[in-house]
């Protein structure tokens, strides 16, 4: 019996078709339809878990992205805001500096003062200040301000211009009475016939006295029984008061003619028989004069100018 040998194909060579073994039985023409098998319980649970985890993973990823981008967005917004507000702030500072350095007009100053005054005493309805219809508190403030200003002016005037003096004694009767309140001027220069207040320590006068000027420096004075003569002329003294029981020679006690020295004044009281004056004290210094009597302010019934 002959043995049949088959040559093996070498590498890269294809075996002849006839040498291939024959295929098994032919496939049936109609294949059986296989019903889908339900997934196993474990597989169904794993699929559901996968489906549920997918959205959660997406949401978590989105939240993480937002959390990362939020600070960047805030920083960017803040930087943009600063970039926008920086020029505005510089412009505002520049405008304020210009407003401060610019000269203030009279109308602006008036408005500023009215605004400041109204801000001190704001009303219940915060209504603006109206100078034509002032509020009660504004009226009170104006009154107090006027009172303080008036008091200050009066004090300055009485310290440097005017003075107050009170008559003590009867040496100027009937022109002035004991206890009269007088206003004297410290600026007026004494002249003949003026009533003055003086205080001369050089002749032993230690309190203010009120007398009438009869003669000034350079005048000649002579007293006779018939009257007083200044520069050779007899004075008309309608203001002189003499007690009825006093004799004329006592009132006009004779005095030889003399000349009033420079810087001196010769003074007498209107109540001639009850006055300590230049007949006994001598002439007084002009520097000792405190002021000239202007008006009598008390008693009110005698208020007025003193002559």
Protein backbone atom coordinates (compact mmCIF):
# COMPACT_ATOMS: atom_id res chain seq x y z
CA UNK A 1 0.00 0.00 0.00
CA UNK A 2 1.53 3.21 -1.03
CA UNK A 3 2.05 5.84 1.57
CA UNK A 4 0.95 9.33 0.63
CA UNK A 5 3.08 12.15 1.75
CA UNK A 6 2.13 15.75 1.91
CA UNK A 7 4.64 18.49 1.55
CA UNK A 8 4.46 21.10 4.19
CA UNK A 9 4.36 24.67 2.96
CA UNK A 10 7.34 26.73 3.61
CA UNK A 11 7.31 30.05 5.26
CA UNK A 12 5.42 32.55 3.17
CA UNK A 13 3.80 29.94 0.94
CA UNK A 14 0.06 29.25 0.88
CA UNK A 15 -1.12 25.74 1.21
CA UNK A 16 -3.01 24.43 -1.79
CA UNK A 17 -6.73 24.46 -1.43
CA UNK A 18 -7.14 20.89 -2.17
CA UNK A 19 -4.92 19.97 0.65
CA UNK A 20 -7.05 21.91 3.18
CA UNK A 21 -9.33 19.75 5.22
CA UNK A 22 -12.94 19.97 4.28
CA UNK A 23 -15.19 22.09 6.34
CA UNK A 24 -17.61 20.56 8.67
CA UNK A 25 -21.20 20.26 7.88
CA UNK A 26 -22.74 23.16 6.11
CA UNK A 27 -24.49 25.90 8.16
CA UNK A 28 -28.18 25.65 8.42
CA UNK A 29 -30.10 28.07 6.27
CA UNK A 30 -32.16 29.47 9.12
CA UNK A 31 -30.42 30.41 12.35
CA UNK A 32 -32.24 30.12 15.53
CA UNK A 33 -33.18 33.50 17.10
CA UNK A 34 -31.78 33.85 20.55
CA UNK A 35 -33.83 35.71 23.14
CA UNK A 36 -31.96 38.46 25.03
CA UNK A 37 -31.01 37.30 28.42
CA UNK A 38 -31.80 39.65 31.34
CA UNK A 39 -28.69 40.98 32.98
CA UNK A 40 -27.61 39.46 36.14
CA UNK A 41 -28.52 41.29 39.33
CA UNK A 42 -24.94 42.26 40.07
CA UNK A 43 -24.46 43.63 36.59
CA UNK A 44 -27.70 45.73 36.80
CA UNK A 45 -26.63 47.26 40.07
CA UNK A 46 -23.20 48.11 38.71
CA UNK A 47 -24.75 49.80 35.66
CA UNK A 48 -27.11 51.86 37.80
CA UNK A 49 -24.22 52.85 40.01
CA UNK A 50 -22.26 53.88 36.96
CA UNK A 51 -25.20 55.91 35.61
CA UNK A 52 -25.68 57.66 38.97
CA UNK A 53 -22.02 58.36 39.44
CA UNK A 54 -21.65 59.96 36.05
CA UNK A 55 -23.88 63.03 36.75
CA UNK A 56 -22.40 63.40 40.23
CA UNK A 57 -18.96 63.42 38.75
CA UNK A 58 -20.02 66.07 36.24
CA UNK A 59 -21.59 68.24 38.95
CA UNK A 60 -18.53 67.91 41.16
CA UNK A 61 -16.29 68.82 38.26
CA UNK A 62 -18.43 71.88 37.50
CA UNK A 63 -18.43 73.04 41.15
CA UNK A 64 -14.67 72.61 41.36
CA UNK A 65 -14.25 74.62 38.17
CA UNK A 66 -16.48 77.39 39.52
CA UNK A 67 -14.62 77.37 42.84
CA UNK A 68 -11.36 77.79 40.99
CA UNK A 69 -12.60 80.46 38.62
CA UNK A 70 -14.56 82.47 41.27
CA UNK A 71 -11.50 84.02 43.01
CA UNK A 72 -9.95 84.76 39.66
CA UNK A 73 -13.14 86.46 38.54
CA UNK A 74 -13.40 88.45 41.79
CA UNK A 75 -9.77 89.54 41.55
CA UNK A 76 -10.27 90.52 37.94
CA UNK A 77 -13.45 92.47 38.82
CA UNK A 78 -11.73 94.19 41.76
CA UNK A 79 -8.75 95.13 39.59
CA UNK A 80 -11.07 96.47 36.89
CA UNK A 81 -13.02 98.47 39.49
CA UNK A 82 -9.82 99.91 40.94
CA UNK A 83 -8.63 100.74 37.45
CA UNK A 84 -11.91 102.54 36.77
CA UNK A 85 -12.15 104.36 40.11
CA UNK A 86 -8.49 105.42 40.26
CA UNK A 87 -8.82 108.08 37.52
CA UNK A 88 -12.12 109.25 39.06
CA UNK A 89 -10.49 109.62 42.48
CA UNK A 90 -7.57 111.50 40.97
CA UNK A 91 -9.94 113.79 39.07
CA UNK A 92 -11.99 114.37 42.22
CA UNK A 93 -8.87 115.17 44.26
CA UNK A 94 -7.66 117.52 41.55
CA UNK A 95 -11.03 119.28 41.40
CA UNK A 96 -11.16 119.62 45.22
CA UNK A 97 -7.63 121.07 45.24
CA UNK A 98 -8.58 123.53 42.53
CA UNK A 99 -11.71 124.51 44.47
CA UNK A 100 -9.65 125.12 47.61
CA UNK A 101 -7.00 127.14 45.82
CA UNK A 102 -9.45 129.12 43.70
CA UNK A 103 -10.37 132.55 45.15
CA UNK A 104 -13.73 132.55 46.94
CA UNK A 105 -16.27 135.04 45.67
CA UNK A 106 -18.45 137.13 47.94
CA UNK A 107 -21.56 135.14 47.01
CA UNK A 108 -19.82 131.80 47.68
CA UNK A 109 -18.59 133.08 51.04
CA UNK A 110 -22.10 134.26 51.95
CA UNK A 111 -23.62 130.89 50.98
CA UNK A 112 -20.95 129.05 52.94
CA UNK A 113 -21.59 131.12 56.07
CA UNK A 114 -25.35 130.67 55.78
CA UNK A 115 -24.93 126.92 55.33
CA UNK A 116 -22.62 126.66 58.33
CA UNK A 117 -24.97 128.76 60.42
CA UNK A 118 -27.96 126.62 59.46
CA UNK A 119 -26.03 123.40 60.18
CA UNK A 120 -25.37 124.54 63.76
CA UNK A 121 -29.05 124.66 64.60
CA UNK A 122 -30.91 122.23 62.29
CA UNK A 123 -34.67 122.30 62.58
CA UNK A 124 -36.97 119.31 62.88
CA UNK A 125 -37.76 119.27 59.17
CA UNK A 126 -34.15 120.10 58.19
CA UNK A 127 -35.38 123.13 56.30
CA UNK A 128 -32.63 125.41 54.87
CA UNK A 129 -31.84 128.71 56.51
CA UNK A 130 -33.95 131.58 55.23
CA UNK A 131 -32.80 135.04 56.25
CA UNK A 132 -36.22 136.50 55.38
CA UNK A 133 -38.02 134.04 57.70
CA UNK A 134 -35.54 133.20 60.48
CA UNK A 135 -36.25 130.47 62.97
CA UNK A 136 -36.61 131.10 66.69
CA UNK A 137 -33.22 129.63 67.51
CA UNK A 138 -31.64 131.88 64.88
CA UNK A 139 -33.30 134.93 66.41
CA UNK A 140 -32.02 133.94 69.86
CA UNK A 141 -28.53 133.38 68.48
CA UNK A 142 -28.57 136.78 66.76
CA UNK A 143 -29.76 138.45 69.95
CA UNK A 144 -27.02 136.85 72.08
CA UNK A 145 -24.41 137.69 69.48
CA UNK A 146 -25.57 141.31 69.38
CA UNK A 147 -25.63 141.48 73.18
CA UNK A 148 -22.07 140.17 73.51
CA UNK A 149 -20.81 142.49 70.79
CA UNK A 150 -22.51 145.49 72.38
CA UNK A 151 -21.11 144.65 75.81
CA UNK A 152 -17.60 144.32 74.39
CA UNK A 153 -17.80 147.66 72.60
CA UNK A 154 -19.14 149.41 75.70
CA UNK A 155 -16.36 147.97 77.85
CA UNK A 156 -13.70 149.12 75.40
CA UNK A 157 -15.22 152.59 75.22
CA UNK A 158 -15.40 152.93 78.99
CA UNK A 159 -11.83 151.75 79.39
CA UNK A 160 -10.22 154.08 76.86
CA UNK A 161 -12.73 156.82 75.91
CA UNK A 162 -15.44 157.29 78.55
CA UNK A 163 -15.60 156.80 82.30
CA UNK A 164 -18.24 156.67 84.98
CA UNK A 165 -18.07 158.90 88.05
CA UNK A 166 -20.30 159.59 91.08
CA UNK A 167 -20.59 162.97 92.77
CA UNK A 168 -19.60 162.93 96.43
CA UNK A 169 -20.48 166.11 98.34
CA UNK A 170 -22.27 169.42 97.78
CA UNK A 171 -19.46 171.54 96.34
CA UNK A 172 -21.21 171.74 92.91
CA UNK A 173 -24.70 172.50 94.20
CA UNK A 174 -27.08 173.41 92.40
CA UNK A 175 -25.49 172.24 89.14
CA UNK A 176 -24.77 168.76 90.49
CA UNK A 177 -26.18 166.98 93.50
CA UNK A 178 -24.62 164.50 95.87
CA UNK A 179 -24.98 160.98 94.42
CA UNK A 180 -25.39 161.99 90.75
CA UNK A 181 -23.97 159.48 88.23
CA UNK A 182 -21.92 161.09 85.47
CA UNK A 183 -20.32 160.05 82.18
CA UNK A 184 -17.02 161.80 81.53
CA UNK A 185 -14.83 161.92 78.42
CA UNK A 186 -11.16 161.11 78.82
CA UNK A 187 -10.27 162.54 75.40
CA UNK A 188 -11.68 166.05 75.72
CA UNK A 189 -9.26 168.87 76.53
CA UNK A 190 -10.49 171.05 79.43
CA UNK A 191 -11.46 174.62 78.57
CA UNK A 192 -12.85 177.58 80.53
CA UNK A 193 -16.29 176.85 81.94
CA UNK A 194 -16.00 173.03 81.65
CA UNK A 195 -16.84 170.80 84.59
CA UNK A 196 -14.07 168.27 85.16
CA UNK A 197 -13.25 165.34 87.43
CA UNK A 198 -9.67 165.23 88.69
CA UNK A 199 -7.53 163.39 91.21
CA UNK A 200 -4.33 165.24 92.14
CA UNK A 201 -2.17 163.57 94.80
CA UNK A 202 0.41 166.35 94.61
CA UNK A 203 -1.90 168.72 96.51
CA UNK A 204 -3.22 166.10 98.91
CA UNK A 205 -6.33 165.11 96.93
CA UNK A 206 -6.74 161.35 97.39
CA UNK A 207 -10.19 160.96 95.86
CA UNK A 208 -11.82 162.26 92.63
CA UNK A 209 -13.29 165.76 92.88
CA UNK A 210 -15.73 167.59 90.60
CA UNK A 211 -15.02 171.30 89.93
CA UNK A 212 -15.47 173.95 87.24
CA UNK A 213 -12.51 175.31 85.25
CA UNK A 214 -12.22 179.08 85.75
CA UNK A 215 -8.89 179.71 84.03
CA UNK A 216 -6.34 177.75 82.00
CA UNK A 217 -2.56 178.06 81.62
CA UNK A 218 -1.50 181.62 80.76
CA UNK A 219 -4.69 183.30 82.02
CA UNK A 220 -4.60 185.99 84.72
CA UNK A 221 -7.01 185.57 87.64
CA UNK A 222 -8.13 188.11 90.23
CA UNK A 223 -10.84 187.76 92.89
CA UNK A 224 -12.57 190.85 94.19
CA UNK A 225 -15.53 191.36 96.50
CA UNK A 226 -17.61 192.13 93.44
CA UNK A 227 -16.67 188.95 91.58
CA UNK A 228 -13.97 187.00 89.69
CA UNK A 229 -11.95 188.61 86.91
CA UNK A 230 -10.16 186.55 84.25
CA UNK A 231 -7.81 188.43 81.92
CA UNK A 232 -9.29 191.65 83.30
CA UNK A 233 -12.92 190.73 82.55
CA UNK A 234 -15.56 189.91 85.12
CA UNK A 235 -17.18 186.48 84.70
CA UNK A 236 -20.95 186.09 84.40
CA UNK A 237 -21.50 183.20 86.77
CA UNK A 238 -25.19 182.36 86.65
CA UNK A 239 -24.40 178.86 87.90
CA UNK A 240 -23.02 180.02 91.26
CA UNK A 241 -25.00 178.97 94.36
CA UNK A 242 -24.67 180.91 97.64
CA UNK A 243 -26.35 180.12 100.93
CA UNK A 244 -28.70 182.89 102.08
CA UNK A 245 -27.07 183.30 105.51
CA UNK A 246 -23.54 183.72 104.10
CA UNK A 247 -22.17 187.21 103.55
CA UNK A 248 -20.82 188.19 100.17
CA UNK A 249 -17.27 188.87 101.36
CA UNK A 250 -16.87 185.23 102.37
CA UNK A 251 -17.90 184.02 98.96
CA UNK A 252 -15.55 186.35 97.10
CA UNK A 253 -12.63 186.64 99.46
CA UNK A 254 -10.18 188.95 97.74
CA UNK A 255 -7.18 187.39 95.94
CA UNK A 256 -4.47 189.34 94.18
CA UNK A 257 -4.07 188.91 90.43
CA UNK A 258 -1.79 186.11 89.32
CA UNK A 259 -1.05 184.10 86.17
CA UNK A 260 -1.94 180.42 85.90
CA UNK A 261 1.32 178.43 85.33
CA UNK A 262 1.90 176.29 82.27
CA UNK A 263 0.28 172.85 82.59
CA UNK A 264 -2.00 174.03 85.39
CA UNK A 265 -5.72 174.79 85.81
CA UNK A 266 -7.56 177.11 88.21
CA UNK A 267 -10.80 175.48 89.40
CA UNK A 268 -13.66 176.46 91.73
CA UNK A 269 -16.83 174.81 92.99
CA UNK A 270 -20.24 176.28 92.07
CA UNK A 271 -21.25 176.17 95.72
CA UNK A 272 -18.72 178.87 96.60
CA UNK A 273 -19.17 178.96 100.36
CA UNK A 274 -18.86 175.13 100.64
CA UNK A 275 -16.09 174.11 98.26
CA UNK A 276 -12.48 173.06 98.74
CA UNK A 277 -10.92 174.33 95.49
CA UNK A 278 -7.99 176.30 94.02
CA UNK A 279 -8.54 179.18 96.47
CA UNK A 280 -7.13 176.88 99.17
CA UNK A 281 -5.38 174.07 97.26
CA UNK A 282 -3.79 176.05 94.47
CA UNK A 283 -3.82 175.22 90.78
CA UNK A 284 -4.09 171.57 89.71
CA UNK A 285 -2.09 169.69 87.08
CA UNK A 286 -3.68 169.12 83.70
CA UNK A 287 -2.39 165.54 83.84
CA UNK A 288 -4.48 164.96 86.98
CA UNK A 289 -7.71 165.46 85.02
CA UNK A 290 -9.66 162.21 84.59
CA UNK A 291 -12.16 163.65 82.14
CA UNK A 292 -14.69 166.28 81.20
CA UNK A 293 -18.27 165.80 82.43
CA UNK A 294 -20.63 165.15 79.48
CA UNK A 295 -23.98 163.91 80.75
CA UNK A 296 -25.78 162.89 83.91
CA UNK A 297 -27.31 159.41 83.61
CA UNK A 298 -28.84 159.15 87.10
CA UNK A 299 -31.25 160.09 88.57
CA UNK A 300 -33.32 159.60 85.44
CA UNK A 301 -35.39 162.68 86.20
CA UNK A 302 -32.25 164.79 85.70
CA UNK A 303 -30.86 162.80 82.76
CA UNK A 304 -29.16 164.98 80.19
CA UNK A 305 -26.21 167.17 79.30
CA UNK A 306 -24.38 168.96 82.10
CA UNK A 307 -23.38 172.59 81.57
